[in-house]
């Protein structure tokens, strides 16, 4: 099964080796048929503590690292190569 990849913005980097990433998604309302923004926060593993608040990042689904962390931040050198 392929791993999901999401793109978002770091909203918190206060924890050690963890960043909180806010991902925005557009969803159509079932009754009003109007697109609305849905925001969700994910805790992602950042091994090198290299991302700071406000950075745009891509996160990749992985096996559970802790109770809340099931995502890993894509390394910077891979992101710049795209």
Protein backbone atom coordinates (compact mmCIF):
# COMPACT_ATOMS: atom_id res chain seq x y z
CA UNK A 1 0.00 0.00 0.00
CA UNK A 2 1.51 3.38 -0.96
CA UNK A 3 2.32 5.93 1.71
CA UNK A 4 0.30 9.12 1.79
CA UNK A 5 2.12 12.42 1.31
CA UNK A 6 0.68 15.71 2.59
CA UNK A 7 1.90 19.28 2.34
CA UNK A 8 1.44 21.88 5.06
CA UNK A 9 2.94 24.58 7.25
CA UNK A 10 4.78 24.10 10.56
CA UNK A 11 2.77 25.81 13.32
CA UNK A 12 4.82 24.63 16.32
CA UNK A 13 8.38 23.38 16.83
CA UNK A 14 8.51 23.46 20.64
CA UNK A 15 8.85 19.70 21.16
CA UNK A 16 12.15 17.88 20.69
CA UNK A 17 12.30 16.05 17.32
CA UNK A 18 8.62 16.83 16.70
CA UNK A 19 6.86 19.50 14.65
CA UNK A 20 3.14 20.20 14.41
CA UNK A 21 2.07 20.61 10.78
CA UNK A 22 -1.23 22.22 9.71
CA UNK A 23 -2.63 20.80 6.46
CA UNK A 24 -5.43 22.58 4.59
CA UNK A 25 -7.80 20.69 2.34
CA UNK A 26 -10.76 21.85 0.24
CA UNK A 27 -13.95 19.80 0.64
CA UNK A 28 -17.37 20.28 -0.92
CA UNK A 29 -20.20 20.79 1.58
CA UNK A 30 -22.74 17.97 1.08
CA UNK A 31 -25.86 20.18 1.23
CA UNK A 32 -24.76 23.62 0.06
CA UNK A 33 -22.37 22.33 -2.66
CA UNK A 34 -19.87 25.01 -1.72
CA UNK A 35 -16.16 24.38 -1.22
CA UNK A 36 -14.88 24.99 2.31
CA UNK A 37 -11.40 24.80 3.81
CA UNK A 38 -10.79 22.05 6.33
CA UNK A 39 -7.67 22.31 8.49
CA UNK A 40 -6.09 19.48 10.43
CA UNK A 41 -2.93 19.30 12.54
CA UNK A 42 -0.50 16.40 12.42
CA UNK A 43 2.44 15.65 14.72
CA UNK A 44 5.42 14.75 12.54
CA UNK A 45 8.87 13.40 13.39
CA UNK A 46 11.78 15.77 12.60
CA UNK A 47 14.98 13.90 13.44
CA UNK A 48 17.36 16.85 12.99
CA UNK A 49 15.16 19.64 14.44
CA UNK A 50 15.82 21.60 11.24
CA UNK A 51 12.31 22.98 10.59
CA UNK A 52 11.03 26.10 12.30
CA UNK A 53 7.61 27.70 12.65
CA UNK A 54 6.30 29.02 9.32
CA UNK A 55 8.25 26.59 7.10
CA UNK A 56 6.39 24.79 4.31
CA UNK A 57 7.00 21.02 4.55
CA UNK A 58 5.90 17.70 3.10
CA UNK A 59 5.08 14.87 5.51
CA UNK A 60 5.07 11.15 4.70
CA UNK A 61 2.99 8.50 6.44
CA UNK A 62 5.04 5.95 8.41
CA UNK A 63 4.71 3.32 11.09
CA UNK A 64 3.71 4.66 14.52
CA UNK A 65 6.63 6.39 16.25
CA UNK A 66 4.71 7.31 19.41
CA UNK A 67 1.11 7.69 20.57
CA UNK A 68 0.44 10.69 18.32
CA UNK A 69 3.28 10.61 15.75
CA UNK A 70 2.56 8.59 12.63
CA UNK A 71 4.15 10.98 10.10
CA UNK A 72 7.76 11.85 9.18
CA UNK A 73 8.94 15.15 7.70
CA UNK A 74 10.55 14.75 4.29
CA UNK A 75 14.26 15.74 4.51
CA UNK A 76 15.27 19.18 3.20
CA UNK A 77 17.73 17.91 0.58
CA UNK A 78 15.01 15.75 -1.06
CA UNK A 79 12.54 18.65 -1.06
CA UNK A 80 15.00 21.02 -2.79
CA UNK A 81 15.70 18.48 -5.53
CA UNK A 82 12.08 18.44 -6.73
